[in-house]
PDB file of N, CA and C in Angstrom:
ATOM      1  N   MET A   1       0.836  -1.162   0.000  1.00  0.00           N
ATOM      2  CA  MET A   1       0.000   0.000   0.000  1.00  0.00           C
ATOM      3  C   MET A   1       0.893   1.242   0.000  1.00  0.00           C
ATOM      4  N   THR A   2       0.603   2.217  -0.879  1.00  0.00           N
ATOM      5  CA  THR A   2       1.413   3.431  -0.954  1.00  0.00           C
ATOM      6  C   THR A   2       0.637   4.594  -0.342  1.00  0.00           C
ATOM      7  N   ALA A   3       1.376   5.480   0.268  1.00  0.00           N
ATOM      8  CA  ALA A   3       0.771   6.675   0.861  1.00  0.00           C
ATOM      9  C   ALA A   3       0.865   7.825  -0.136  1.00  0.00           C
ATOM     10  N   HIS A   4      -0.184   8.591  -0.224  1.00  0.00           N
ATOM     11  CA  HIS A   4      -0.205   9.741  -1.115  1.00  0.00           C
ATOM     12  C   HIS A   4       0.349  10.957  -0.384  1.00  0.00           C
ATOM     13  N   ALA A   5       1.240  11.664  -1.037  1.00  0.00           N
ATOM     14  CA  ALA A   5       1.802  12.884  -0.459  1.00  0.00           C
ATOM     15  C   ALA A   5       0.784  14.011  -0.604  1.00  0.00           C
ATOM     16  N   PRO A   6       0.630  14.813   0.432  1.00  0.00           N
ATOM     17  CA  PRO A   6      -0.322  15.930   0.323  1.00  0.00           C
ATOM     18  C   PRO A   6       0.194  16.966  -0.676  1.00  0.00           C
ATOM     19  N   THR A   7      -0.684  17.487  -1.479  1.00  0.00           N
ATOM     20  CA  THR A   7      -0.316  18.509  -2.456  1.00  0.00           C
ATOM     21  C   THR A   7      -1.114  19.765  -2.173  1.00  0.00           C
ATOM     22  N   ARG A   8      -0.508  20.865  -2.486  1.00  0.00           N
ATOM     23  CA  ARG A   8      -1.201  22.141  -2.330  1.00  0.00           C
ATOM     24  C   ARG A   8      -1.827  22.511  -3.655  1.00  0.00           C
ATOM     25  N   HIS A   9      -3.063  22.874  -3.583  1.00  0.00           N
ATOM     26  CA  HIS A   9      -3.758  23.313  -4.782  1.00  0.00           C
ATOM     27  C   HIS A   9      -3.939  24.819  -4.691  1.00  0.00           C
ATOM     28  N   THR A  10      -3.283  25.540  -5.582  1.00  0.00           N
ATOM     29  CA  THR A  10      -3.460  26.991  -5.624  1.00  0.00           C
ATOM     30  C   THR A  10      -4.265  27.325  -6.863  1.00  0.00           C
ATOM     31  N   PRO A  11      -5.333  28.068  -6.684  1.00  0.00           N
ATOM     32  CA  PRO A  11      -6.151  28.412  -7.849  1.00  0.00           C
ATOM     33  C   PRO A  11      -5.396  29.366  -8.774  1.00  0.00           C
ATOM     34  N   ARG A  12      -5.584  29.171 -10.040  1.00  0.00           N
ATOM     35  CA  ARG A  12      -4.941  30.034 -11.026  1.00  0.00           C
ATOM     36  C   ARG A  12      -5.708  31.357 -11.117  1.00  0.00           C
ATOM     37  N   PRO A  13      -4.992  32.441 -11.408  1.00  0.00           N
ATOM     38  CA  PRO A  13      -5.692  33.720 -11.581  1.00  0.00           C
ATOM     39  C   PRO A  13      -6.572  33.691 -12.831  1.00  0.00           C
ATOM     40  N   ALA A  14      -7.494  34.589 -12.868  1.00  0.00           N
ATOM     41  CA  ALA A  14      -8.410  34.661 -14.007  1.00  0.00           C
ATOM     42  C   ALA A  14      -7.627  34.953 -15.279  1.00  0.00           C
ATOM     43  N   ALA A  15      -8.159  34.523 -16.385  1.00  0.00           N
ATOM     44  CA  ALA A  15      -7.466  34.684 -17.660  1.00  0.00           C
ATOM     45  C   ALA A  15      -7.338  36.151 -18.054  1.00  0.00           C
ATOM     46  N   GLY A  16      -8.170  37.024 -17.496  1.00  0.00           N
ATOM     47  CA  GLY A  16      -8.146  38.435 -17.867  1.00  0.00           C
ATOM     48  C   GLY A  16      -6.990  39.211 -17.283  1.00  0.00           C
ATOM     49  N   GLY A  17      -6.390  38.766 -16.194  1.00  0.00           N
ATOM     50  CA  GLY A  17      -5.297  39.519 -15.587  1.00  0.00           C
ATOM     51  C   GLY A  17      -4.719  38.780 -14.400  1.00  0.00           C
ATOM     52  N   ALA A  18      -3.662  39.315 -13.872  1.00  0.00           N
ATOM     53  CA  ALA A  18      -2.987  38.685 -12.743  1.00  0.00           C
ATOM     54  C   ALA A  18      -3.632  39.135 -11.439  1.00  0.00           C
ATOM     55  N   ASP A  19      -3.667  38.244 -10.484  1.00  0.00           N
ATOM     56  CA  ASP A  19      -4.217  38.561  -9.171  1.00  0.00           C
ATOM     57  C   ASP A  19      -3.043  38.667  -8.202  1.00  0.00           C
ATOM     58  N   ALA A  20      -2.372  39.817  -8.208  1.00  0.00           N
ATOM     59  CA  ALA A  20      -1.202  40.013  -7.360  1.00  0.00           C
ATOM     60  C   ALA A  20      -1.451  41.179  -6.422  1.00  0.00           C
ATOM     61  N   ARG A  21      -1.028  41.022  -5.197  1.00  0.00           N
ATOM     62  CA  ARG A  21      -1.157  42.099  -4.219  1.00  0.00           C
ATOM     63  C   ARG A  21       0.235  42.556  -3.822  1.00  0.00           C
ATOM     64  N   LEU A  22       0.422  43.864  -3.838  1.00  0.00           N
ATOM     65  CA  LEU A  22       1.708  44.434  -3.492  1.00  0.00           C
ATOM     66  C   LEU A  22       1.667  44.974  -2.071  1.00  0.00           C
ATOM     67  N   PRO A  23       2.778  44.911  -1.369  1.00  0.00           N
ATOM     68  CA  PRO A  23       2.825  45.568  -0.067  1.00  0.00           C
ATOM     69  C   PRO A  23       2.793  47.087  -0.261  1.00  0.00           C
ATOM     70  N   TRP A  24       2.477  47.828   0.792  1.00  0.00           N
ATOM     71  CA  TRP A  24       2.310  49.278   0.673  1.00  0.00           C
ATOM     72  C   TRP A  24       3.595  49.958   0.234  1.00  0.00           C
ATOM     73  N   TRP A  25       4.744  49.440   0.659  1.00  0.00           N
ATOM     74  CA  TRP A  25       6.003  50.106   0.342  1.00  0.00           C
ATOM     75  C   TRP A  25       6.408  49.899  -1.107  1.00  0.00           C
ATOM     76  N   ALA A  26       5.848  48.903  -1.772  1.00  0.00           N
ATOM     77  CA  ALA A  26       6.172  48.679  -3.176  1.00  0.00           C
ATOM     78  C   ALA A  26       5.612  49.796  -4.057  1.00  0.00           C
ATOM     79  N   ALA A  27       4.567  50.444  -3.611  1.00  0.00           N
ATOM     80  CA  ALA A  27       4.020  51.589  -4.345  1.00  0.00           C
ATOM     81  C   ALA A  27       4.594  52.898  -3.828  1.00  0.00           C
ATOM     82  N   ALA A  28       4.955  52.949  -2.538  1.00  0.00           N
ATOM     83  CA  ALA A  28       5.440  54.188  -1.947  1.00  0.00           C
ATOM     84  C   ALA A  28       6.874  54.505  -2.358  1.00  0.00           C
ATOM     85  N   LEU A  29       7.725  53.512  -2.497  1.00  0.00           N
ATOM     86  CA  LEU A  29       9.131  53.773  -2.815  1.00  0.00           C
ATOM     87  C   LEU A  29       9.328  54.453  -4.170  1.00  0.00           C
ATOM     88  N   PRO A  30       8.670  54.037  -5.245  1.00  0.00           N
ATOM     89  CA  PRO A  30       8.845  54.772  -6.509  1.00  0.00           C
ATOM     90  C   PRO A  30       8.325  56.205  -6.434  1.00  0.00           C
ATOM     91  N   VAL A  31       7.262  56.428  -5.675  1.00  0.00           N
ATOM     92  CA  VAL A  31       6.727  57.780  -5.534  1.00  0.00           C
ATOM     93  C   VAL A  31       7.717  58.658  -4.790  1.00  0.00           C
ATOM     94  N   ILE A  32       8.316  58.142  -3.724  1.00  0.00           N
ATOM     95  CA  ILE A  32       9.297  58.902  -2.962  1.00  0.00           C
ATOM     96  C   ILE A  32      10.541  59.172  -3.805  1.00  0.00           C
ATOM     97  N   ALA A  33      10.994  58.165  -4.540  1.00  0.00           N
ATOM     98  CA  ALA A  33      12.173  58.345  -5.403  1.00  0.00           C
ATOM     99  C   ALA A  33      11.905  59.392  -6.480  1.00  0.00           C
ATOM    100  N   PHE A  34      10.714  59.381  -7.056  1.00  0.00           N
ATOM    101  CA  PHE A  34      10.368  60.373  -8.066  1.00  0.00           C
ATOM    102  C   PHE A  34      10.347  61.768  -7.470  1.00  0.00           C
ATOM    103  N   ALA A  35       9.786  61.910  -6.273  1.00  0.00           N
ATOM    104  CA  ALA A  35       9.717  63.224  -5.631  1.00  0.00           C
ATOM    105  C   ALA A  35      11.110  63.759  -5.304  1.00  0.00           C
ATOM    106  N   VAL A  36      11.988  62.893  -4.833  1.00  0.00           N
ATOM    107  CA  VAL A  36      13.348  63.328  -4.502  1.00  0.00           C
ATOM    108  C   VAL A  36      14.095  63.734  -5.766  1.00  0.00           C
ATOM    109  N   LEU A  37      13.984  62.947  -6.825  1.00  0.00           N
ATOM    110  CA  LEU A  37      14.657  63.304  -8.078  1.00  0.00           C
ATOM    111  C   LEU A  37      14.092  64.583  -8.676  1.00  0.00           C
ATOM    112  N   LEU A  38      12.801  64.777  -8.567  1.00  0.00           N
ATOM    113  CA  LEU A  38      12.189  66.014  -9.062  1.00  0.00           C
ATOM    114  C   LEU A  38      12.680  67.212  -8.262  1.00  0.00           C
ATOM    115  N   ALA A  39      12.817  67.049  -6.951  1.00  0.00           N
ATOM    116  CA  ALA A  39      13.341  68.132  -6.119  1.00  0.00           C
ATOM    117  C   ALA A  39      14.790  68.440  -6.474  1.00  0.00           C
ATOM    118  N   LEU A  40      15.575  67.410  -6.779  1.00  0.00           N
ATOM    119  CA  LEU A  40      16.960  67.639  -7.180  1.00  0.00           C
ATOM    120  C   LEU A  40      17.041  68.386  -8.508  1.00  0.00           C
ATOM    121  N   LEU A  41      16.184  68.025  -9.447  1.00  0.00           N
ATOM    122  CA  LEU A  41      16.184  68.706 -10.737  1.00  0.00           C
ATOM    123  C   LEU A  41      15.690  70.141 -10.613  1.00  0.00           C
ATOM    124  N   ALA A  42      14.714  70.369  -9.780  1.00  0.00           N
ATOM    125  CA  ALA A  42      14.164  71.714  -9.618  1.00  0.00           C
ATOM    126  C   ALA A  42      15.179  72.633  -8.957  1.00  0.00           C
ATOM    127  N   GLY A  43      16.010  72.110  -8.093  1.00  0.00           N
ATOM    128  CA  GLY A  43      16.994  72.933  -7.407  1.00  0.00           C
ATOM    129  C   GLY A  43      18.310  73.053  -8.150  1.00  0.00           C
ATOM    130  N   ALA A  44      18.458  72.396  -9.288  1.00  0.00           N
ATOM    131  CA  ALA A  44      19.724  72.428 -10.010  1.00  0.00           C
ATOM    132  C   ALA A  44      20.014  73.812 -10.587  1.00  0.00           C
ATOM    133  N   GLY A  45      19.010  74.583 -10.911  1.00  0.00           N
ATOM    134  CA  GLY A  45      19.208  75.918 -11.466  1.00  0.00           C
ATOM    135  C   GLY A  45      19.634  76.930 -10.426  1.00  0.00           C
ATOM    136  N   GLU A  46      19.441  76.636  -9.163  1.00  0.00           N
ATOM    137  CA  GLU A  46      19.779  77.561  -8.083  1.00  0.00           C
ATOM    138  C   GLU A  46      21.056  77.132  -7.362  1.00  0.00           C
ATOM    139  N   ALA A  47      21.954  76.495  -8.052  1.00  0.00           N
ATOM    140  CA  ALA A  47      23.153  75.977  -7.405  1.00  0.00           C
ATOM    141  C   ALA A  47      24.081  77.128  -7.041  1.00  0.00           C
ATOM    142  N   GLU A  48      24.274  77.330  -5.751  1.00  0.00           N
ATOM    143  CA  GLU A  48      25.172  78.347  -5.222  1.00  0.00           C
ATOM    144  C   GLU A  48      25.868  77.765  -4.012  1.00  0.00           C
ATOM    145  N   ALA A  49      26.904  78.413  -3.586  1.00  0.00           N
ATOM    146  CA  ALA A  49      27.566  77.985  -2.357  1.00  0.00           C
ATOM    147  C   ALA A  49      26.668  78.366  -1.183  1.00  0.00           C
ATOM    148  N   ALA A  50      26.285  77.379  -0.416  1.00  0.00           N
ATOM    149  CA  ALA A  50      25.372  77.615   0.695  1.00  0.00           C
ATOM    150  C   ALA A  50      26.154  78.059   1.925  1.00  0.00           C
ATOM    151  N   ASP A  51      25.506  78.866   2.751  1.00  0.00           N
ATOM    152  CA  ASP A  51      26.105  79.263   4.025  1.00  0.00           C
ATOM    153  C   ASP A  51      26.159  78.061   4.943  1.00  0.00           C
ATOM    154  N   ALA A  52      27.062  78.119   5.906  1.00  0.00           N
ATOM    155  CA  ALA A  52      27.187  76.994   6.840  1.00  0.00           C
ATOM    156  C   ALA A  52      25.955  76.891   7.733  1.00  0.00           C
ATOM    157  N   GLY A  53      25.281  77.991   7.995  1.00  0.00           N
ATOM    158  CA  GLY A  53      24.139  77.968   8.895  1.00  0.00           C
ATOM    159  C   GLY A  53      22.808  77.713   8.212  1.00  0.00           C
ATOM    160  N   SER A  54      22.746  77.780   6.908  1.00  0.00           N
ATOM    161  CA  SER A  54      21.460  77.624   6.220  1.00  0.00           C
ATOM    162  C   SER A  54      21.287  76.186   5.743  1.00  0.00           C
ATOM    163  N   ARG A  55      20.038  75.744   5.792  1.00  0.00           N
ATOM    164  CA  ARG A  55      19.709  74.409   5.292  1.00  0.00           C
ATOM    165  C   ARG A  55      18.887  74.576   4.032  1.00  0.00           C
ATOM    166  N   GLY A  56      19.090  73.697   3.091  1.00  0.00           N
ATOM    167  CA  GLY A  56      18.345  73.762   1.841  1.00  0.00           C
ATOM    168  C   GLY A  56      16.961  73.151   1.975  1.00  0.00           C
ATOM    169  N   TYR A  57      16.139  73.417   0.994  1.00  0.00           N
ATOM    170  CA  TYR A  57      14.781  72.865   1.026  1.00  0.00           C
ATOM    171  C   TYR A  57      14.793  71.358   0.850  1.00  0.00           C
ATOM    172  N   LEU A  58      15.829  70.830   0.200  1.00  0.00           N
ATOM    173  CA  LEU A  58      15.912  69.379   0.036  1.00  0.00           C
ATOM    174  C   LEU A  58      16.117  68.694   1.384  1.00  0.00           C
ATOM    175  N   ALA A  59      16.939  69.297   2.233  1.00  0.00           N
ATOM    176  CA  ALA A  59      17.141  68.746   3.563  1.00  0.00           C
ATOM    177  C   ALA A  59      15.843  68.800   4.367  1.00  0.00           C
ATOM    178  N   ASP A  60      15.084  69.880   4.217  1.00  0.00           N
ATOM    179  CA  ASP A  60      13.791  69.975   4.895  1.00  0.00           C
ATOM    180  C   ASP A  60      12.819  68.918   4.379  1.00  0.00           C
ATOM    181  N   LEU A  61      12.813  68.730   3.058  1.00  0.00           N
ATOM    182  CA  LEU A  61      11.928  67.727   2.462  1.00  0.00           C
ATOM    183  C   LEU A  61      12.271  66.329   2.957  1.00  0.00           C
ATOM    184  N   LEU A  62      13.571  66.009   2.959  1.00  0.00           N
ATOM    185  CA  LEU A  62      13.976  64.688   3.424  1.00  0.00           C
ATOM    186  C   LEU A  62      13.698  64.514   4.917  1.00  0.00           C
ATOM    187  N   GLY A  63      13.835  65.579   5.685  1.00  0.00           N
ATOM    188  CA  GLY A  63      13.512  65.509   7.109  1.00  0.00           C
ATOM    189  C   GLY A  63      12.034  65.244   7.343  1.00  0.00           C
ATOM    190  N   ARG A  64      11.192  65.888   6.564  1.00  0.00           N
ATOM    191  CA  ARG A  64       9.748  65.657   6.703  1.00  0.00           C
ATOM    192  C   ARG A  64       9.367  64.250   6.266  1.00  0.00           C
ATOM    193  N   LEU A  65       9.983  63.770   5.171  1.00  0.00           N
ATOM    194  CA  LEU A  65       9.706  62.401   4.733  1.00  0.00           C
ATOM    195  C   LEU A  65      10.143  61.394   5.789  1.00  0.00           C
ATOM    196  N   TRP A  66      11.303  61.631   6.401  1.00  0.00           N
ATOM    197  CA  TRP A  66      11.788  60.741   7.448  1.00  0.00           C
ATOM    198  C   TRP A  66      10.829  60.753   8.637  1.00  0.00           C
ATOM    199  N   GLY A  67      10.317  61.937   8.975  1.00  0.00           N
ATOM    200  CA  GLY A  67       9.368  62.043  10.076  1.00  0.00           C
ATOM    201  C   GLY A  67       8.071  61.283   9.781  1.00  0.00           C
ATOM    202  N   LEU A  68       7.621  61.343   8.546  1.00  0.00           N
ATOM    203  CA  LEU A  68       6.396  60.616   8.179  1.00  0.00           C
ATOM    204  C   LEU A  68       6.606  59.106   8.213  1.00  0.00           C
ATOM    205  N   LEU A  69       7.768  58.672   7.728  1.00  0.00           N
ATOM    206  CA  LEU A  69       8.012  57.244   7.671  1.00  0.00           C
ATOM    207  C   LEU A  69       8.346  56.627   9.029  1.00  0.00           C
ATOM    208  N   SER A  70       8.827  57.447   9.948  1.00  0.00           N
ATOM    209  CA  SER A  70       9.230  56.902  11.248  1.00  0.00           C
ATOM    210  C   SER A  70       8.082  56.865  12.252  1.00  0.00           C
ATOM    211  N   ARG A  71       6.904  57.291  11.853  1.00  0.00           N
ATOM    212  CA  ARG A  71       5.743  57.252  12.768  1.00  0.00           C
ATOM    213  C   ARG A  71       5.310  55.844  13.026  1.00  0.00           C
TER     214      ARG A  71
END
């Protein structure tokens, strides 16, 4: 007498499209990368030597993004 090995049956997605779910960060990372690159391009025309005491808007933007993500 032989024993049957258990098999997993996974239903196939519908023929019209894939049934895939992405984690939240898979959509958030490209949006954040696009925003950072856009900020870098927008500030490229204003390239000057910055004072030691002044912070740029890019640093403020990254600080706010870090604050949002660390909640």
